[in-house]
Amino acid sequence: MQRRLSPELMDDPSLSPEALAGALAGLARLNTVSGSFGRIFREIENESKRRSGPLRVLDIACARGDFVLAAARRAGKRGMDLSFSGCDINPNSILLASEAARHRRLPCTFFVHDAVSLPLPEGFHCCVASLFLHHLEDSDVVALLQNMAQCCDFVIVNDLVRSPLNLASITLASRALTKSPIVHADAVLSARAAFTRAELRDFAVRAGLRGATIKSGGISRMMLVWRRPA
């Protein structure tokens, strides 16, 4: 199955805030069912236990901040010394995320940023990118991974795995879990634009993330985990 990268409706800057909010809500349901958020949080939790001080986490291409908000709430309940921030190139997504954080009274910060073209801000220990790589060209994937590794000691990437079976399952799941026509269309485009495990491993090597491991990232997902050598 050849990779096919096409513009997704959710990435259209002219998309109305109402339509974007509905699509992001549908995407959140898909993420919940996939189990990816829980796997990402466990990696962060394990990394936190390795450290003596606080752990600052940045979620790249955070959309409306679903992972940041869920992780901050879970960390707070467990009394963990973690702080979470999110960035996205879409100002409307950052607005939705910031409003959600205020409404839930969670100490999260969100800001507009192009994580592929611009260096990431300093001060973070862990970078997360979930469902972002499949939006990028190969060269941009390498640039993003290099950016993340330069900024942080610990990198987590979670994304779809390209295969005919996953294309079918993602298409069915999108229609079963949301009524958003945007999600229905973008789910197919995302599944076709995803990478294989071998491709992701090659990107990690090209970006200099020596020793990165790739494991299951949830249903139809894979997860790359890299820690800077001591």
Protein backbone atom coordinates (compact mmCIF):
# COMPACT_ATOMS: atom_id res chain seq x y z
CA MET A 1 0.00 0.00 0.00
CA GLN A 2 1.68 3.19 -1.23
CA ARG A 3 1.61 6.32 0.85
CA ARG A 4 -0.69 9.06 -0.42
CA LEU A 5 -0.41 12.48 1.21
CA SER A 6 -3.37 14.80 0.60
CA PRO A 7 -4.54 18.02 2.31
CA GLU A 8 -7.02 17.29 5.09
CA LEU A 9 -10.17 19.33 5.66
CA MET A 10 -9.31 19.91 9.31
CA ASP A 11 -6.09 21.67 8.28
CA ASP A 12 -7.91 24.27 6.18
CA PRO A 13 -7.38 27.65 7.91
CA SER A 14 -10.68 28.88 6.46
CA LEU A 15 -12.64 26.17 8.29
CA SER A 16 -15.16 27.80 10.62
CA PRO A 17 -14.49 27.55 14.38
CA GLU A 18 -17.81 25.69 14.79
CA ALA A 19 -16.94 23.07 12.17
CA LEU A 20 -13.43 22.72 13.60
CA ALA A 21 -14.78 22.25 17.11
CA GLY A 22 -17.15 19.50 15.94
CA ALA A 23 -14.40 17.72 14.04
CA LEU A 24 -11.97 17.90 16.95
CA ALA A 25 -14.63 16.48 19.28
CA GLY A 26 -15.05 13.53 16.95
CA LEU A 27 -11.30 13.07 16.73
CA ALA A 28 -11.12 13.05 20.53
CA ARG A 29 -13.53 10.11 20.65
CA LEU A 30 -11.38 8.19 18.20
CA ASN A 31 -8.30 8.89 20.30
CA THR A 32 -10.05 7.69 23.44
CA VAL A 33 -11.08 4.41 21.84
CA SER A 34 -7.59 3.84 20.40
CA GLY A 35 -6.04 3.83 23.87
CA SER A 36 -3.17 6.00 22.66
CA PHE A 37 -3.46 8.68 25.34
CA GLY A 38 -3.06 6.17 28.14
CA ARG A 39 0.05 4.69 26.54
CA ILE A 40 1.62 8.11 26.07
CA PHE A 41 0.88 9.08 29.67
CA ARG A 42 2.45 5.86 30.99
CA GLU A 43 5.67 6.68 29.14
CA ILE A 44 5.68 10.16 30.68
CA GLU A 45 4.90 8.74 34.11
CA ASN A 46 7.81 6.28 33.86
CA GLU A 47 10.15 9.08 32.77
CA SER A 48 9.00 11.21 35.69
CA LYS A 49 9.92 8.44 38.11
CA ARG A 50 13.44 8.43 36.69
CA ARG A 51 13.93 12.10 37.57
CA SER A 52 14.34 13.84 40.89
CA GLY A 53 12.74 17.12 39.83
CA PRO A 54 9.69 18.35 37.91
CA LEU A 55 9.02 17.25 34.35
CA ARG A 56 7.78 19.81 31.82
CA VAL A 57 5.92 18.31 28.85
CA LEU A 58 5.14 19.96 25.50
CA ASP A 59 2.48 18.47 23.20
CA ILE A 60 3.21 19.49 19.59
CA ALA A 61 0.29 20.03 17.19
CA CYS A 62 -1.98 19.73 20.22
CA ALA A 63 -5.23 20.64 18.38
CA ARG A 64 -7.79 21.54 21.07
CA GLY A 65 -5.50 20.20 23.82
CA ASP A 66 -7.26 16.93 24.61
CA PHE A 67 -4.11 15.09 25.67
CA VAL A 68 -2.70 18.04 27.61
CA LEU A 69 -5.94 18.53 29.53
CA ALA A 70 -6.45 14.83 30.27
CA ALA A 71 -2.81 14.35 31.30
CA ALA A 72 -2.81 17.43 33.55
CA ARG A 73 -5.98 16.25 35.29
CA ARG A 74 -4.58 12.75 35.82
CA ALA A 75 -1.22 14.05 37.06
CA GLY A 76 -2.96 16.40 39.48
CA LYS A 77 -5.07 13.63 40.97
CA ARG A 78 -1.95 11.51 41.50
CA GLY A 79 0.08 14.36 42.96
CA MET A 80 2.74 14.05 40.25
CA ASP A 81 5.27 16.83 39.66
CA LEU A 82 4.36 17.31 36.00
CA SER A 83 3.39 20.38 33.97
CA PHE A 84 1.84 20.33 30.50
CA SER A 85 1.78 22.79 27.62
CA GLY A 86 0.60 22.55 24.04
CA CYS A 87 1.36 24.30 20.77
CA ASP A 88 -0.34 24.31 17.38
CA ILE A 89 -0.03 26.28 14.17
CA ASN A 90 -3.81 26.89 14.09
CA PRO A 91 -4.86 29.87 16.28
CA ASN A 92 -8.46 28.60 16.45
CA SER A 93 -7.28 25.32 17.96
CA ILE A 94 -5.21 27.17 20.57
CA LEU A 95 -8.23 29.31 21.43
CA LEU A 96 -10.37 26.21 22.01
CA ALA A 97 -7.63 24.59 24.11
CA SER A 98 -7.09 27.70 26.25
CA GLU A 99 -10.82 28.10 26.87
CA ALA A 100 -11.09 24.44 27.90
CA ALA A 101 -8.19 24.82 30.34
CA ARG A 102 -9.80 27.87 31.95
CA HIS A 103 -13.18 26.17 32.15
CA ARG A 104 -11.68 23.11 33.85
CA ARG A 105 -9.33 25.20 36.00
CA LEU A 106 -6.28 23.30 34.85
CA PRO A 107 -2.82 24.95 34.96
CA CYS A 108 -2.01 24.31 31.29
CA THR A 109 -0.55 26.77 28.80
CA PHE A 110 -1.13 26.85 25.04
CA PHE A 111 0.55 28.90 22.32
CA VAL A 112 0.69 29.19 18.53
CA HIS A 113 3.88 27.74 17.05
CA ASP A 114 5.16 26.10 13.86
CA ALA A 115 7.16 23.17 15.25
CA VAL A 116 8.52 22.09 11.87
CA SER A 117 9.95 25.38 10.62
CA LEU A 118 10.88 27.07 13.91
CA PRO A 119 12.98 25.91 16.89
CA LEU A 120 10.96 24.78 19.86
CA PRO A 121 11.08 26.96 22.97
CA GLU A 122 13.55 26.01 25.68
CA GLY A 123 12.67 24.75 29.13
CA PHE A 124 10.83 21.52 28.28
CA HIS A 125 12.05 18.05 29.22
CA CYS A 126 9.65 15.95 27.12
CA CYS A 127 8.10 16.52 23.68
CA VAL A 128 5.04 14.63 22.44
CA ALA A 129 3.68 14.51 18.88
CA SER A 130 0.46 12.54 18.42
CA LEU A 131 -1.25 12.16 15.04
CA PHE A 132 1.00 14.81 13.49
CA LEU A 133 3.62 12.96 11.44
CA HIS A 134 1.19 11.72 8.81
CA HIS A 135 0.46 15.34 7.84
CA LEU A 136 4.09 15.88 6.82
CA GLU A 137 6.43 15.25 3.93
CA ASP A 138 9.34 12.92 4.64
CA SER A 139 11.87 15.76 4.97
CA ASP A 140 9.58 17.60 7.40
CA VAL A 141 9.29 14.48 9.58
CA VAL A 142 13.06 14.37 9.91
CA ALA A 143 13.17 18.12 10.66
CA LEU A 144 10.50 17.76 13.33
CA LEU A 145 12.27 14.85 15.03
CA GLN A 146 15.53 16.80 15.03
CA ASN A 147 13.71 19.80 16.48
CA MET A 148 12.20 17.68 19.24
CA ALA A 149 15.51 16.01 20.11
CA GLN A 150 17.32 19.34 20.27
CA CYS A 151 14.69 20.76 22.62
CA CYS A 152 14.05 17.79 24.90
CA ASP A 153 15.79 14.82 26.50
CA PHE A 154 12.73 12.61 26.02
CA VAL A 155 10.68 12.28 22.83
CA ILE A 156 7.40 10.45 22.20
CA VAL A 157 5.76 10.14 18.79
CA ASN A 158 2.42 8.36 18.40
CA ASP A 159 0.80 7.97 15.00
CA LEU A 160 -1.19 5.74 12.68
CA VAL A 161 0.32 2.70 10.95
CA ARG A 162 -0.26 2.48 7.18
CA SER A 163 -1.78 -0.81 6.05
CA PRO A 164 -4.93 -1.98 4.20
CA LEU A 165 -6.34 -3.43 7.43
CA ASN A 166 -5.86 -0.20 9.34
CA LEU A 167 -7.37 1.81 6.49
CA ALA A 168 -10.53 -0.30 6.74
CA SER A 169 -10.72 -0.22 10.54
CA ILE A 170 -10.07 3.52 10.79
CA THR A 171 -12.72 4.24 8.15
CA LEU A 172 -15.31 2.15 10.00
CA ALA A 173 -14.41 3.57 13.41
CA SER A 174 -14.70 7.17 12.22
CA ARG A 175 -18.25 6.57 10.99
CA ALA A 176 -19.26 4.64 14.08
CA LEU A 177 -17.94 7.16 16.62
CA THR A 178 -18.73 10.56 15.11
CA LYS A 179 -21.23 12.21 12.80
CA SER A 180 -18.69 14.77 11.60
CA PRO A 181 -18.31 14.56 7.79
CA ILE A 182 -14.94 16.24 8.20
CA VAL A 183 -13.69 13.38 10.38
CA HIS A 184 -15.18 10.81 7.97
CA ALA A 185 -13.19 12.30 5.09
CA ASP A 186 -10.00 13.03 7.02
CA ALA A 187 -9.87 9.57 8.61
CA VAL A 188 -9.41 7.99 5.17
CA LEU A 189 -6.86 10.60 4.13
CA SER A 190 -4.93 10.12 7.39
CA ALA A 191 -4.83 6.34 7.05
CA ARG A 192 -3.47 6.63 3.50
CA ALA A 193 -0.90 9.27 4.53
CA ALA A 194 0.45 7.34 7.51
CA PHE A 195 3.86 5.69 7.65
CA THR A 196 4.97 2.13 8.35
CA ARG A 197 7.07 1.10 11.33
CA ALA A 198 10.08 0.63 9.06
CA GLU A 199 9.69 4.13 7.65
CA LEU A 200 9.40 5.66 11.12
CA ARG A 201 12.53 3.79 12.24
CA ASP A 202 14.40 5.15 9.22
CA PHE A 203 13.28 8.71 10.00
CA ALA A 204 14.59 8.33 13.56
CA VAL A 205 17.99 7.21 12.27
CA ARG A 206 18.16 10.08 9.77
CA ALA A 207 17.24 12.56 12.52
CA GLY A 208 19.97 11.24 14.82
CA LEU A 209 17.65 9.63 17.39
CA ARG A 210 19.95 6.69 18.01
CA GLY A 211 18.49 3.98 20.21
CA ALA A 212 14.86 4.97 19.61
CA THR A 213 12.38 2.16 20.15
CA ILE A 214 9.10 1.60 18.31
CA LYS A 215 6.25 -0.19 20.05
CA SER A 216 2.48 -0.44 19.88
CA GLY A 217 0.81 2.92 20.32
CA GLY A 218 -2.77 1.69 20.61
CA ILE A 219 -5.29 0.40 18.08
CA SER A 220 -3.89 1.01 14.55
CA ARG A 221 -1.09 3.06 16.14
CA MET A 222 2.66 2.89 16.64
CA MET A 223 4.76 4.78 19.17
CA LEU A 224 8.38 5.91 18.97
CA VAL A 225 10.16 6.56 22.26
CA TRP A 226 13.62 8.12 22.51
CA ARG A 227 15.70 9.18 25.49
CA ARG A 228 18.89 11.19 25.14
CA PRO A 229 21.89 9.02 26.05
CA ALA A 230 23.47 9.90 29.38
